[in-house]
N, C-alpha and C. Protein backbone atom coordinates (compact mmCIF):
# COMPACT_ATOMS: atom_id res chain seq x y z
N LEU A 1 113.79 79.00 152.35
CA LEU A 1 112.67 78.19 152.15
C LEU A 1 111.74 78.41 150.98
N GLN A 2 111.10 77.28 150.98
CA GLN A 2 110.37 76.79 149.63
C GLN A 2 108.63 77.40 149.92
N PHE A 3 108.01 77.70 148.71
CA PHE A 3 107.00 77.61 148.96
C PHE A 3 105.91 77.09 147.98
N VAL A 4 104.82 76.34 148.45
CA VAL A 4 104.12 75.55 147.35
C VAL A 4 102.53 76.41 147.07
N GLY A 5 101.86 75.87 146.04
CA GLY A 5 100.37 76.23 146.66
C GLY A 5 100.02 77.75 146.77
N GLU A 6 98.61 77.79 147.17
CA GLU A 6 98.26 79.32 147.78
C GLU A 6 98.71 79.62 148.98
N MET A 7 98.78 80.79 149.31
CA MET A 7 98.76 80.96 150.48
C MET A 7 97.58 81.96 151.28
N GLN A 8 96.68 81.60 150.99
CA GLN A 8 95.62 82.52 151.50
C GLN A 8 94.27 81.33 152.04
N GLY A 9 94.44 80.69 152.49
CA GLY A 9 93.48 79.69 153.13
C GLY A 9 92.81 79.99 154.43
N GLU A 10 92.14 79.52 155.19
CA GLU A 10 91.22 79.46 156.37
C GLU A 10 92.64 79.35 157.18
N SER A 11 93.32 78.43 157.28
CA SER A 11 94.34 78.53 158.94
C SER A 11 95.34 78.25 158.35
N TRP A 12 96.45 78.24 159.18
CA TRP A 12 97.74 77.61 158.89
C TRP A 12 97.71 76.04 160.59
N LEU A 13 98.74 75.56 159.94
CA LEU A 13 99.15 74.50 160.79
C LEU A 13 101.02 74.42 160.61
N CYS A 14 101.63 74.03 162.13
CA CYS A 14 102.59 74.12 161.98
C CYS A 14 103.27 72.73 162.32
N ARG A 15 104.17 72.09 161.30
CA ARG A 15 105.16 70.66 161.76
C ARG A 15 106.10 70.47 161.94
N GLY A 16 106.87 70.44 162.80
CA GLY A 16 108.16 70.54 163.18
C GLY A 16 108.30 72.15 164.42
N ASN A 17 109.32 72.25 164.20
CA ASN A 17 109.92 73.59 165.39
C ASN A 17 111.12 74.36 164.49
N PRO A 18 110.26 75.90 164.17
CA PRO A 18 110.94 76.39 163.33
C PRO A 18 112.24 76.93 163.99
N GLU A 19 112.27 76.76 165.24
CA GLU A 19 113.34 77.60 166.16
C GLU A 19 114.44 76.27 166.27
N ASP A 20 114.45 75.24 165.79
CA ASP A 20 115.10 74.12 165.33
C ASP A 20 115.38 73.96 164.02
N GLY A 21 115.26 75.14 163.25
CA GLY A 21 116.03 75.04 161.64
C GLY A 21 115.25 74.38 160.60
N LYS A 22 113.77 73.38 160.94
CA LYS A 22 113.13 72.65 160.40
C LYS A 22 111.59 73.13 160.75
N ALA A 23 110.79 73.40 159.51
CA ALA A 23 109.93 73.03 159.78
C ALA A 23 108.98 73.19 158.59
N ILE A 24 107.20 72.65 158.24
CA ILE A 24 106.50 73.22 157.86
C ILE A 24 105.26 73.64 158.16
N TRP A 25 104.66 74.66 157.43
CA TRP A 25 103.74 75.22 157.92
C TRP A 25 102.41 74.88 156.40
N PHE A 26 101.56 74.40 156.59
CA PHE A 26 100.41 73.91 155.92
C PHE A 26 99.34 75.09 155.74
N GLN A 27 98.87 75.50 154.67
CA GLN A 27 97.90 76.24 154.40
C GLN A 27 96.52 75.45 154.28
N LEU A 28 95.22 75.68 155.04
CA LEU A 28 94.14 74.70 154.57
C LEU A 28 93.16 75.27 154.04
N ARG A 29 92.15 74.90 153.45
CA ARG A 29 90.66 75.38 152.87
C ARG A 29 89.77 73.78 153.06
N ASP A 30 88.89 73.81 153.97
CA ASP A 30 88.10 72.64 153.61
C ASP A 30 88.56 71.37 154.32
N GLY A 31 89.74 71.38 154.86
CA GLY A 31 90.59 70.74 155.39
C GLY A 31 91.59 70.05 154.68
N ALA A 32 91.49 70.61 153.37
CA ALA A 32 92.49 70.04 152.45
C ALA A 32 93.72 71.11 152.82
N ILE A 33 94.81 70.83 152.06
CA ILE A 33 95.77 71.42 151.89
C ILE A 33 95.85 72.29 150.52
N ILE A 34 96.33 73.51 150.74
CA ILE A 34 96.02 74.57 149.68
C ILE A 34 97.93 75.04 149.09
N GLY A 35 98.38 74.97 149.91
CA GLY A 35 99.57 75.22 150.07
C GLY A 35 100.67 74.89 151.14
N ALA A 36 101.60 75.64 150.88
CA ALA A 36 102.72 75.03 152.46
C ALA A 36 104.02 75.79 152.31
N ALA A 37 104.67 76.22 153.41
CA ALA A 37 105.83 76.93 153.13
C ALA A 37 106.72 75.78 153.88
N ALA A 38 108.50 75.38 153.19
CA ALA A 38 109.25 74.46 153.90
C ALA A 38 110.25 75.40 154.15
N LEU A 39 110.65 75.03 155.71
CA LEU A 39 112.03 75.77 155.93
C LEU A 39 112.89 74.53 156.31
N ASN A 40 113.79 74.30 155.30
CA ASN A 40 114.81 73.59 155.39
C ASN A 40 114.07 72.12 155.46
N ASN A 41 113.27 71.92 154.51
CA ASN A 41 112.31 70.74 154.19
C ASN A 41 112.33 70.81 152.85
N GLY A 42 113.59 70.34 151.99
CA GLY A 42 113.16 70.52 150.45
C GLY A 42 113.04 69.04 149.74
N ARG A 43 113.37 68.13 150.71
CA ARG A 43 112.59 66.79 150.39
C ARG A 43 111.40 66.84 150.04
N GLU A 44 110.66 67.47 151.34
CA GLU A 44 109.17 67.30 151.21
C GLU A 44 108.31 68.22 150.28
N VAL A 45 109.17 69.14 149.47
CA VAL A 45 108.16 69.53 148.72
C VAL A 45 107.62 68.90 147.56
N ARG A 46 108.06 68.25 147.22
CA ARG A 46 107.32 67.17 146.03
C ARG A 46 106.40 66.76 146.60
N VAL A 47 106.25 65.91 147.60
CA VAL A 47 105.27 65.52 148.29
C VAL A 47 104.43 66.48 148.76
N LEU A 48 104.25 67.59 149.37
CA LEU A 48 103.47 68.46 149.06
C LEU A 48 102.71 68.64 147.89
N ARG A 49 103.64 68.95 146.89
CA ARG A 49 103.11 69.22 145.46
C ARG A 49 102.10 68.54 145.27
N LYS A 50 102.15 66.76 145.57
CA LYS A 50 100.66 66.07 145.39
C LYS A 50 100.06 66.14 145.94
N LEU A 51 100.21 66.57 147.40
CA LEU A 51 98.77 66.40 148.11
C LEU A 51 98.48 67.78 147.70
N ILE A 52 98.63 68.55 147.21
CA ILE A 52 97.98 69.83 147.35
C ILE A 52 97.11 69.61 145.68
N GLN A 53 98.08 68.62 144.92
CA GLN A 53 97.14 68.46 143.44
C GLN A 53 95.87 67.47 144.07
N SER A 54 96.12 66.78 144.84
CA SER A 54 95.49 65.83 145.14
C SER A 54 93.85 66.06 145.06
N GLY A 55 94.08 67.38 146.32
CA GLY A 55 93.02 67.49 146.83
C GLY A 55 92.32 66.68 148.03
N ARG A 56 93.40 66.14 148.61
CA ARG A 56 93.06 65.01 149.61
C ARG A 56 92.99 65.24 151.02
N ALA A 57 91.72 65.87 151.59
CA ALA A 57 92.09 65.93 153.31
C ALA A 57 92.98 65.25 154.16
N MET A 58 93.50 65.53 155.10
CA MET A 58 94.25 64.92 156.33
C MET A 58 94.22 65.86 157.34
N SER A 59 94.16 65.21 158.55
CA SER A 59 93.77 65.40 160.10
C SER A 59 94.90 66.57 160.29
N GLU A 60 94.51 67.34 160.86
CA GLU A 60 95.26 68.14 161.66
C GLU A 60 96.44 67.58 162.23
N GLU A 61 95.89 66.71 163.09
CA GLU A 61 97.02 65.63 164.31
C GLU A 61 98.16 65.04 163.24
N ALA A 62 97.52 64.36 162.21
CA ALA A 62 98.84 63.96 160.93
C ALA A 62 99.44 64.78 160.88
N LEU A 63 98.90 65.60 159.78
CA LEU A 63 99.56 67.16 159.47
C LEU A 63 101.01 67.59 160.03
N CYS A 64 100.59 67.63 161.66
CA CYS A 64 101.18 67.99 162.65
C CYS A 64 102.31 67.55 163.41
N ASP A 65 102.31 66.23 163.08
CA ASP A 65 102.78 65.28 163.96
C ASP A 65 104.00 64.44 162.97
N GLU A 66 105.17 64.88 163.36
CA GLU A 66 106.63 64.40 162.62
C GLU A 66 106.55 63.27 162.37
N GLY A 67 105.82 62.45 162.98
CA GLY A 67 106.01 60.84 162.87
C GLY A 67 105.17 60.25 162.13
N VAL A 68 104.23 60.97 161.16
CA VAL A 68 103.53 60.44 160.30
C VAL A 68 103.86 60.77 159.47
N ALA A 69 104.08 60.01 158.16
CA ALA A 69 104.41 60.51 156.79
C ALA A 69 103.56 61.05 155.91
N LEU A 70 103.95 62.11 155.15
CA LEU A 70 103.40 62.99 154.64
C LEU A 70 103.11 61.82 153.20
């Protein structure tokens, strides 16, 4: 389990299924990702850092859809 960014936003979203052993939880503020927790998703941590630094908002549907690239 790896954490990046802040963990005190307005809401959490989950991408993937933790029961399958792989998931990402996003912490949002004003629609932008401010933090994330990655379970067995180490490759995505670098991308998550860049998304957090950019302050760019993504739709909740896109964040939760594993078919959409981060």
